[in-house]
Amino acid sequence: MNRPVYICFIDYEKAFDRIDDKLIEILNNMGLDSTDLTIVRNLYWEQKARVRVDQVLTNDTDIQRDVRQGCILSPLVFNLQAGARLFVTAAVARSRKDLWDI
């Protein structure tokens, strides 16, 4: 009954901070249409912000791929990214390769 045991530890502390570069690829593979892909891409990759200080607006500043707090898509994005990582982890475990960092 000696069988290999695989353990996967996932640190979710910063899981909601940033969008994975492969999110669009994941959504495309799931069959999301091009219009919806464009909406998600614009929402998370084309963000800019301006700050008003004493009635003066700053220039546009690019916002990194942060998850929008309070956005109704944020939990879905988190679940998609977590599911994709678990899928990869399971595939690596089945291939019996060493798994250190995905």
N, C-alpha and C. Protein backbone atom coordinates (compact mmCIF):
# COMPACT_ATOMS: atom_id res chain seq x y z
N MET A 1 0.81 -1.21 0.00
CA MET A 1 0.00 0.00 0.00
C MET A 1 0.85 1.26 0.00
N ASN A 2 2.09 1.15 -0.38
CA ASN A 2 2.92 2.35 -0.47
C ASN A 2 2.56 3.11 -1.74
N ARG A 3 1.92 4.25 -1.54
CA ARG A 3 1.53 5.08 -2.67
C ARG A 3 2.01 6.50 -2.42
N PRO A 4 2.37 7.21 -3.48
CA PRO A 4 2.82 8.59 -3.28
C PRO A 4 1.68 9.46 -2.76
N VAL A 5 2.04 10.43 -1.97
CA VAL A 5 1.08 11.39 -1.43
C VAL A 5 1.47 12.77 -1.95
N TYR A 6 0.50 13.50 -2.45
CA TYR A 6 0.74 14.84 -2.96
C TYR A 6 0.02 15.84 -2.06
N ILE A 7 0.75 16.87 -1.70
CA ILE A 7 0.18 17.91 -0.84
C ILE A 7 0.34 19.25 -1.57
N CYS A 8 -0.70 20.02 -1.56
CA CYS A 8 -0.67 21.33 -2.21
C CYS A 8 -1.09 22.38 -1.18
N PHE A 9 -0.19 23.31 -0.89
CA PHE A 9 -0.50 24.42 0.00
C PHE A 9 -0.70 25.66 -0.85
N ILE A 10 -1.79 26.33 -0.64
CA ILE A 10 -2.09 27.54 -1.41
C ILE A 10 -2.20 28.71 -0.45
N ASP A 11 -1.42 29.74 -0.70
CA ASP A 11 -1.44 30.95 0.12
C ASP A 11 -2.41 31.95 -0.51
N TYR A 12 -3.55 32.12 0.09
CA TYR A 12 -4.58 33.01 -0.45
C TYR A 12 -4.50 34.44 0.10
N GLU A 13 -3.44 34.73 0.85
CA GLU A 13 -3.35 36.05 1.48
C GLU A 13 -3.44 37.19 0.46
N LYS A 14 -2.75 37.06 -0.64
CA LYS A 14 -2.74 38.11 -1.66
C LYS A 14 -3.54 37.70 -2.90
N ALA A 15 -4.38 36.72 -2.75
CA ALA A 15 -5.08 36.15 -3.91
C ALA A 15 -5.98 37.15 -4.62
N PHE A 16 -6.49 38.11 -3.92
CA PHE A 16 -7.42 39.05 -4.52
C PHE A 16 -6.76 40.34 -5.00
N ASP A 17 -5.45 40.42 -4.86
CA ASP A 17 -4.78 41.68 -5.17
C ASP A 17 -4.59 41.94 -6.65
N ARG A 18 -4.37 40.90 -7.43
CA ARG A 18 -3.93 41.10 -8.80
C ARG A 18 -4.57 40.09 -9.74
N ILE A 19 -4.77 40.50 -10.97
CA ILE A 19 -5.34 39.64 -12.00
C ILE A 19 -4.21 38.93 -12.73
N ASP A 20 -4.36 37.64 -12.91
CA ASP A 20 -3.37 36.84 -13.62
C ASP A 20 -3.37 37.21 -15.11
N ASP A 21 -2.18 37.24 -15.70
CA ASP A 21 -2.06 37.55 -17.14
C ASP A 21 -2.85 36.58 -18.00
N LYS A 22 -3.06 35.37 -17.54
CA LYS A 22 -3.71 34.34 -18.34
C LYS A 22 -5.23 34.33 -18.21
N LEU A 23 -5.80 35.31 -17.51
CA LEU A 23 -7.25 35.33 -17.32
C LEU A 23 -7.99 35.34 -18.65
N ILE A 24 -7.58 36.16 -19.58
CA ILE A 24 -8.26 36.24 -20.88
C ILE A 24 -8.18 34.89 -21.59
N GLU A 25 -7.01 34.25 -21.52
CA GLU A 25 -6.85 32.93 -22.13
C GLU A 25 -7.80 31.91 -21.48
N ILE A 26 -7.91 31.96 -20.16
CA ILE A 26 -8.81 31.05 -19.44
C ILE A 26 -10.25 31.28 -19.89
N LEU A 27 -10.67 32.55 -19.94
CA LEU A 27 -12.04 32.88 -20.34
C LEU A 27 -12.30 32.49 -21.79
N ASN A 28 -11.31 32.69 -22.64
CA ASN A 28 -11.45 32.31 -24.05
C ASN A 28 -11.62 30.80 -24.18
N ASN A 29 -10.81 30.04 -23.43
CA ASN A 29 -10.91 28.58 -23.47
C ASN A 29 -12.25 28.08 -22.93
N MET A 30 -12.87 28.88 -22.06
CA MET A 30 -14.18 28.51 -21.52
C MET A 30 -15.31 28.86 -22.48
N GLY A 31 -14.98 29.55 -23.58
CA GLY A 31 -15.99 29.85 -24.58
C GLY A 31 -16.63 31.22 -24.47
N LEU A 32 -16.05 32.13 -23.68
CA LEU A 32 -16.60 33.48 -23.58
C LEU A 32 -16.47 34.17 -24.93
N ASP A 33 -17.51 34.87 -25.36
CA ASP A 33 -17.46 35.50 -26.68
C ASP A 33 -16.55 36.73 -26.68
N SER A 34 -16.21 37.19 -27.87
CA SER A 34 -15.22 38.26 -28.02
C SER A 34 -15.68 39.58 -27.39
N THR A 35 -16.98 39.85 -27.42
CA THR A 35 -17.48 41.08 -26.80
C THR A 35 -17.25 41.07 -25.30
N ASP A 36 -17.58 39.95 -24.66
CA ASP A 36 -17.37 39.84 -23.22
C ASP A 36 -15.89 39.84 -22.86
N LEU A 37 -15.06 39.21 -23.70
CA LEU A 37 -13.61 39.23 -23.47
C LEU A 37 -13.08 40.66 -23.52
N THR A 38 -13.59 41.44 -24.45
CA THR A 38 -13.18 42.84 -24.57
C THR A 38 -13.58 43.63 -23.33
N ILE A 39 -14.78 43.38 -22.83
CA ILE A 39 -15.24 44.07 -21.62
C ILE A 39 -14.33 43.75 -20.44
N VAL A 40 -14.02 42.47 -20.25
CA VAL A 40 -13.14 42.07 -19.14
C VAL A 40 -11.75 42.67 -19.33
N ARG A 41 -11.23 42.61 -20.55
CA ARG A 41 -9.90 43.16 -20.83
C ARG A 41 -9.87 44.66 -20.51
N ASN A 42 -10.88 45.38 -20.94
CA ASN A 42 -10.92 46.82 -20.67
C ASN A 42 -11.10 47.12 -19.19
N LEU A 43 -11.85 46.28 -18.51
CA LEU A 43 -12.10 46.49 -17.09
C LEU A 43 -10.84 46.30 -16.26
N TYR A 44 -10.03 45.31 -16.62
CA TYR A 44 -8.88 44.98 -15.78
C TYR A 44 -7.53 45.39 -16.36
N TRP A 45 -7.42 45.60 -17.67
CA TRP A 45 -6.11 45.93 -18.24
C TRP A 45 -6.02 47.35 -18.76
N GLU A 46 -7.09 48.05 -18.87
CA GLU A 46 -7.06 49.39 -19.44
C GLU A 46 -7.49 50.43 -18.41
N GLN A 47 -7.17 50.21 -17.15
CA GLN A 47 -7.61 51.11 -16.10
C GLN A 47 -6.70 52.33 -15.99
N LYS A 48 -7.32 53.46 -15.84
CA LYS A 48 -6.59 54.70 -15.59
C LYS A 48 -7.32 55.43 -14.48
N ALA A 49 -6.58 56.26 -13.77
CA ALA A 49 -7.19 57.03 -12.69
C ALA A 49 -6.67 58.45 -12.71
N ARG A 50 -7.50 59.35 -12.21
CA ARG A 50 -7.10 60.74 -12.01
C ARG A 50 -7.51 61.12 -10.59
N VAL A 51 -6.71 61.95 -9.98
CA VAL A 51 -6.98 62.36 -8.61
C VAL A 51 -7.26 63.86 -8.62
N ARG A 52 -8.28 64.25 -7.87
CA ARG A 52 -8.61 65.67 -7.76
C ARG A 52 -8.07 66.19 -6.42
N VAL A 53 -7.22 67.21 -6.50
CA VAL A 53 -6.67 67.84 -5.30
C VAL A 53 -6.94 69.34 -5.42
N ASP A 54 -7.70 69.87 -4.49
CA ASP A 54 -8.05 71.30 -4.51
C ASP A 54 -8.56 71.75 -5.88
N GLN A 55 -9.53 71.04 -6.41
CA GLN A 55 -10.18 71.35 -7.69
C GLN A 55 -9.26 71.20 -8.90
N VAL A 56 -8.10 70.60 -8.73
CA VAL A 56 -7.18 70.38 -9.85
C VAL A 56 -7.04 68.87 -10.06
N LEU A 57 -7.23 68.44 -11.32
CA LEU A 57 -7.10 67.02 -11.65
C LEU A 57 -5.68 66.70 -12.09
N THR A 58 -5.16 65.59 -11.61
CA THR A 58 -3.86 65.13 -12.05
C THR A 58 -3.98 64.54 -13.45
N ASN A 59 -2.86 64.26 -14.06
CA ASN A 59 -2.85 63.55 -15.34
C ASN A 59 -3.29 62.10 -15.12
N ASP A 60 -3.64 61.43 -16.21
CA ASP A 60 -4.01 60.01 -16.12
C ASP A 60 -2.83 59.20 -15.58
N THR A 61 -3.16 58.26 -14.72
CA THR A 61 -2.18 57.32 -14.18
C THR A 61 -2.68 55.92 -14.44
N ASP A 62 -1.81 55.08 -14.99
CA ASP A 62 -2.19 53.69 -15.23
C ASP A 62 -2.34 52.96 -13.90
N ILE A 63 -3.37 52.16 -13.81
CA ILE A 63 -3.58 51.32 -12.63
C ILE A 63 -3.18 49.91 -13.03
N GLN A 64 -2.40 49.27 -12.20
CA GLN A 64 -1.97 47.91 -12.49
C GLN A 64 -3.18 46.99 -12.44
N ARG A 65 -2.99 45.73 -12.75
CA ARG A 65 -4.09 44.78 -12.86
C ARG A 65 -4.65 44.41 -11.48
N ASP A 66 -5.10 45.37 -10.78
CA ASP A 66 -5.69 45.11 -9.46
C ASP A 66 -7.14 44.68 -9.62
N VAL A 67 -7.57 43.85 -8.70
CA VAL A 67 -8.97 43.46 -8.67
C VAL A 67 -9.75 44.62 -8.09
N ARG A 68 -10.83 44.96 -8.73
CA ARG A 68 -11.66 46.06 -8.24
C ARG A 68 -12.44 45.60 -7.01
N GLN A 69 -12.22 46.25 -5.91
CA GLN A 69 -12.93 45.91 -4.69
C GLN A 69 -14.39 46.31 -4.83
N GLY A 70 -15.29 45.40 -4.52
CA GLY A 70 -16.71 45.66 -4.62
C GLY A 70 -17.30 45.37 -6.00
N CYS A 71 -16.46 45.04 -6.96
CA CYS A 71 -16.94 44.71 -8.30
C CYS A 71 -17.61 43.34 -8.27
N ILE A 72 -18.75 43.22 -8.94
CA ILE A 72 -19.47 41.94 -8.91
C ILE A 72 -18.72 40.84 -9.65
N LEU A 73 -17.78 41.21 -10.53
CA LEU A 73 -16.98 40.20 -11.23
C LEU A 73 -15.83 39.66 -10.39
N SER A 74 -15.42 40.39 -9.36
CA SER A 74 -14.23 40.01 -8.60
C SER A 74 -14.28 38.59 -8.02
N PRO A 75 -15.36 38.17 -7.38
CA PRO A 75 -15.39 36.78 -6.88
C PRO A 75 -15.32 35.75 -8.01
N LEU A 76 -15.95 36.05 -9.14
CA LEU A 76 -15.89 35.13 -10.27
C LEU A 76 -14.46 35.03 -10.81
N VAL A 77 -13.79 36.17 -10.92
CA VAL A 77 -12.40 36.19 -11.39
C VAL A 77 -11.52 35.38 -10.45
N PHE A 78 -11.71 35.57 -9.15
CA PHE A 78 -10.95 34.79 -8.16
C PHE A 78 -11.19 33.30 -8.35
N ASN A 79 -12.45 32.90 -8.47
CA ASN A 79 -12.77 31.48 -8.64
C ASN A 79 -12.18 30.90 -9.92
N LEU A 80 -12.21 31.67 -11.00
CA LEU A 80 -11.64 31.20 -12.27
C LEU A 80 -10.13 30.99 -12.14
N GLN A 81 -9.46 31.96 -11.52
CA GLN A 81 -8.01 31.84 -11.36
C GLN A 81 -7.65 30.69 -10.43
N ALA A 82 -8.37 30.55 -9.33
CA ALA A 82 -8.09 29.46 -8.39
C ALA A 82 -8.36 28.11 -9.05
N GLY A 83 -9.46 28.02 -9.79
CA GLY A 83 -9.79 26.77 -10.48
C GLY A 83 -8.75 26.39 -11.51
N ALA A 84 -8.25 27.39 -12.25
CA ALA A 84 -7.21 27.13 -13.25
C ALA A 84 -5.94 26.62 -12.59
N ARG A 85 -5.57 27.21 -11.46
CA ARG A 85 -4.37 26.75 -10.75
C ARG A 85 -4.55 25.33 -10.22
N LEU A 86 -5.71 25.02 -9.70
CA LEU A 86 -5.96 23.66 -9.22
C LEU A 86 -5.94 22.65 -10.36
N PHE A 87 -6.45 23.05 -11.51
CA PHE A 87 -6.42 22.18 -12.69
C PHE A 87 -4.98 21.87 -13.08
N VAL A 88 -4.13 22.90 -13.11
CA VAL A 88 -2.72 22.71 -13.45
C VAL A 88 -2.03 21.85 -12.40
N THR A 89 -2.33 22.10 -11.13
CA THR A 89 -1.73 21.30 -10.06
C THR A 89 -2.09 19.84 -10.21
N ALA A 90 -3.34 19.55 -10.50
CA ALA A 90 -3.78 18.16 -10.67
C ALA A 90 -3.10 17.52 -11.87
N ALA A 91 -2.94 18.28 -12.95
CA ALA A 91 -2.28 17.74 -14.15
C ALA A 91 -0.82 17.42 -13.87
N VAL A 92 -0.15 18.29 -13.13
CA VAL A 92 1.26 18.04 -12.79
C VAL A 92 1.36 16.83 -11.87
N ALA A 93 0.45 16.73 -10.91
CA ALA A 93 0.47 15.58 -10.00
C ALA A 93 0.25 14.28 -10.76
N ARG A 94 -0.65 14.29 -11.74
CA ARG A 94 -0.89 13.08 -12.53
C ARG A 94 0.32 12.70 -13.36
N SER A 95 1.10 13.69 -13.77
CA SER A 95 2.28 13.41 -14.59
C SER A 95 3.46 12.97 -13.73
N ARG A 96 3.28 13.06 -12.41
CA ARG A 96 4.30 12.64 -11.43
C ARG A 96 5.58 13.46 -11.52
N LYS A 97 5.48 14.68 -11.97
CA LYS A 97 6.64 15.59 -11.98
C LYS A 97 6.73 16.27 -10.63
N ASP A 98 7.91 16.78 -10.33
CA ASP A 98 8.07 17.54 -9.10
C ASP A 98 7.27 18.83 -9.22
N LEU A 99 6.62 19.19 -8.15
CA LEU A 99 5.77 20.37 -8.13
C LEU A 99 6.24 21.26 -6.99
N TRP A 100 6.85 22.38 -7.33
CA TRP A 100 7.33 23.29 -6.29
C TRP A 100 6.59 24.61 -6.32
N ASP A 101 6.47 25.18 -7.48
CA ASP A 101 5.85 26.50 -7.56
C ASP A 101 5.13 26.63 -8.90
N ILE A 102 3.85 26.90 -8.82
CA ILE A 102 3.08 27.10 -10.05
C ILE A 102 2.67 28.55 -10.11
